[in-house]
C-alpha atoms as a PDB file:
ATOM      1  CA  UNK A   1     172.440  19.596 163.842  1.00  0.00           C
ATOM      2  CA  UNK A   2     170.489  23.030 163.933  1.00  0.00           C
ATOM      3  CA  UNK A   3     167.950  24.043 161.602  1.00  0.00           C
ATOM      4  CA  UNK A   4     168.809  26.617 157.872  1.00  0.00           C
ATOM      5  CA  UNK A   5     168.953  30.413 160.236  1.00  0.00           C
ATOM      6  CA  UNK A   6     167.096  32.173 157.341  1.00  0.00           C
ATOM      7  CA  UNK A   7     163.967  33.863 158.836  1.00  0.00           C
ATOM      8  CA  UNK A   8     161.174  35.139 156.650  1.00  0.00           C
ATOM      9  CA  UNK A   9     158.336  37.342 157.585  1.00  0.00           C
ATOM     10  CA  UNK A  10     154.777  38.403 156.625  1.00  0.00           C
ATOM     11  CA  UNK A  11     153.437  37.452 152.974  1.00  0.00           C
ATOM     12  CA  UNK A  12     155.804  39.936 150.502  1.00  0.00           C
ATOM     13  CA  UNK A  13     159.291  38.559 152.325  1.00  0.00           C
ATOM     14  CA  UNK A  14     157.975  35.322 151.908  1.00  0.00           C
ATOM     15  CA  UNK A  15     156.310  35.914 148.075  1.00  0.00           C
ATOM     16  CA  UNK A  16     159.934  37.160 147.502  1.00  0.00           C
ATOM     17  CA  UNK A  17     162.254  34.501 148.485  1.00  0.00           C
ATOM     18  CA  UNK A  18     159.381  32.233 146.935  1.00  0.00           C
ATOM     19  CA  UNK A  19     160.012  33.341 144.007  1.00  0.00           C
ATOM     20  CA  UNK A  20     163.920  33.733 144.161  1.00  0.00           C
ATOM     21  CA  UNK A  21     164.383  30.034 145.610  1.00  0.00           C
ATOM     22  CA  UNK A  22     161.806  27.763 145.107  1.00  0.00           C
ATOM     23  CA  UNK A  23     160.108  28.468 142.223  1.00  0.00           C
ATOM     24  CA  UNK A  24     162.831  30.224 140.309  1.00  0.00           C
ATOM     25  CA  UNK A  25     162.990  29.583 137.016  1.00  0.00           C
ATOM     26  CA  UNK A  26     164.333  26.605 136.168  1.00  0.00           C
ATOM     27  CA  UNK A  27     164.621  25.602 139.643  1.00  0.00           C
ATOM     28  CA  UNK A  28     163.521  21.453 139.836  1.00  0.00           C
ATOM     29  CA  UNK A  29     162.290  20.133 143.185  1.00  0.00           C
ATOM     30  CA  UNK A  30     160.370  17.596 144.973  1.00  0.00           C
ATOM     31  CA  UNK A  31     158.666  16.936 148.557  1.00  0.00           C
ATOM     32  CA  UNK A  32     158.139  13.943 149.846  1.00  0.00           C
ATOM     33  CA  UNK A  33     155.372  13.877 152.754  1.00  0.00           C
ATOM     34  CA  UNK A  34     156.765  12.315 156.245  1.00  0.00           C
ATOM     35  CA  UNK A  35     156.021  12.795 160.154  1.00  0.00           C
ATOM     36  CA  UNK A  36     157.536  14.622 162.766  1.00  0.00           C
ATOM     37  CA  UNK A  37     157.218  14.241 166.484  1.00  0.00           C
ATOM     38  CA  UNK A  38     153.019  14.380 165.370  1.00  0.00           C
ATOM     39  CA  UNK A  39     153.621  17.433 162.859  1.00  0.00           C
ATOM     40  CA  UNK A  40     153.100  17.122 158.530  1.00  0.00           C
ATOM     41  CA  UNK A  41     156.800  17.344 157.512  1.00  0.00           C
ATOM     42  CA  UNK A  42     158.302  16.857 154.179  1.00  0.00           C
ATOM     43  CA  UNK A  43     161.966  15.100 152.356  1.00  0.00           C
ATOM     44  CA  UNK A  44     162.737  17.873 150.067  1.00  0.00           C
ATOM     45  CA  UNK A  45     165.227  17.052 147.347  1.00  0.00           C
ATOM     46  CA  UNK A  46     166.293  19.303 144.646  1.00  0.00           C
ATOM     47  CA  UNK A  47     167.575  18.560 141.023  1.00  0.00           C
ATOM     48  CA  UNK A  48     171.112  17.470 139.964  1.00  0.00           C
ATOM     49  CA  UNK A  49     171.661  17.677 136.408  1.00  0.00           C
ATOM     50  CA  UNK A  50     174.828  15.973 136.431  1.00  0.00           C
ATOM     51  CA  UNK A  51     173.028  12.509 137.790  1.00  0.00           C
ATOM     52  CA  UNK A  52     169.991  12.985 135.817  1.00  0.00           C
ATOM     53  CA  UNK A  53     168.125  12.122 139.816  1.00  0.00           C
ATOM     54  CA  UNK A  54     166.550  14.139 142.452  1.00  0.00           C
ATOM     55  CA  UNK A  55     168.941  14.272 145.496  1.00  0.00           C
ATOM     56  CA  UNK A  56     167.944  14.957 149.030  1.00  0.00           C
ATOM     57  CA  UNK A  57     169.085  17.532 150.576  1.00  0.00           C
ATOM     58  CA  UNK A  58     166.826  18.314 154.148  1.00  0.00           C
ATOM     59  CA  UNK A  59     164.262  17.701 155.887  1.00  0.00           C
ATOM     60  CA  UNK A  60     160.800  20.256 156.400  1.00  0.00           C
ATOM     61  CA  UNK A  61     159.107  20.190 159.776  1.00  0.00           C
ATOM     62  CA  UNK A  62     155.646  22.559 159.047  1.00  0.00           C
ATOM     63  CA  UNK A  63     153.886  24.002 162.515  1.00  0.00           C
ATOM     64  CA  UNK A  64     150.695  24.318 162.024  1.00  0.00           C
ATOM     65  CA  UNK A  65     147.921  27.106 163.519  1.00  0.00           C
ATOM     66  CA  UNK A  66     144.770  28.319 162.742  1.00  0.00           C
ATOM     67  CA  UNK A  67     144.690  26.198 159.736  1.00  0.00           C
ATOM     68  CA  UNK A  68     148.048  27.221 158.229  1.00  0.00           C
ATOM     69  CA  UNK A  69     151.248  26.858 158.171  1.00  0.00           C
ATOM     70  CA  UNK A  70     152.439  29.327 161.261  1.00  0.00           C
ATOM     71  CA  UNK A  71     155.861  28.484 160.798  1.00  0.00           C
ATOM     72  CA  UNK A  72     158.972  25.903 158.322  1.00  0.00           C
ATOM     73  CA  UNK A  73     161.691  24.826 160.070  1.00  0.00           C
ATOM     74  CA  UNK A  74     164.068  23.018 157.348  1.00  0.00           C
ATOM     75  CA  UNK A  75     167.014  20.792 158.428  1.00  0.00           C
ATOM     76  CA  UNK A  76     169.888  20.716 155.988  1.00  0.00           C
ATOM     77  CA  UNK A  77     170.798  17.140 156.724  1.00  0.00           C
ATOM     78  CA  UNK A  78     170.483  14.945 154.154  1.00  0.00           C
ATOM     79  CA  UNK A  79     171.251  12.235 156.331  1.00  0.00           C
ATOM     80  CA  UNK A  80     168.153  12.627 157.829  1.00  0.00           C
ATOM     81  CA  UNK A  81     166.230  11.350 155.301  1.00  0.00           C
ATOM     82  CA  UNK A  82     166.832   7.823 156.257  1.00  0.00           C
ATOM     83  CA  UNK A  83     165.678   8.606 159.388  1.00  0.00           C
ATOM     84  CA  UNK A  84     162.350   9.291 158.231  1.00  0.00           C
ATOM     85  CA  UNK A  85     162.242   6.252 156.022  1.00  0.00           C
ATOM     86  CA  UNK A  86     162.838   8.375 152.668  1.00  0.00           C
ATOM     87  CA  UNK A  87     165.712   7.624 150.067  1.00  0.00           C
ATOM     88  CA  UNK A  88     168.204   9.488 149.209  1.00  0.00           C
ATOM     89  CA  UNK A  89     167.529  10.373 145.820  1.00  0.00           C
ATOM     90  CA  UNK A  90     164.688   9.983 143.752  1.00  0.00           C
ATOM     91  CA  UNK A  91     164.116   8.980 139.738  1.00  0.00           C
ATOM     92  CA  UNK A  92     163.672  11.626 137.511  1.00  0.00           C
END
């Protein structure tokens, strides 16, 4: 399963993406910490109005270099959450 095929480079491009997607007005999501091959990772959950719960969407793996996030690889397969000991859904 390949990672999500998007690429953002530079502060302006990343800031535009953040404003448009995860930090957009009305966006509701949660992250739960995990680890993947010794790297920091997170389970990503987005609000589902129909179920009134946060539903698992992806596992994001961070690469840290020189004390900053150098790369985020997002694997958009909710079934991966269980492999990291993470739940499928979160209560409101």
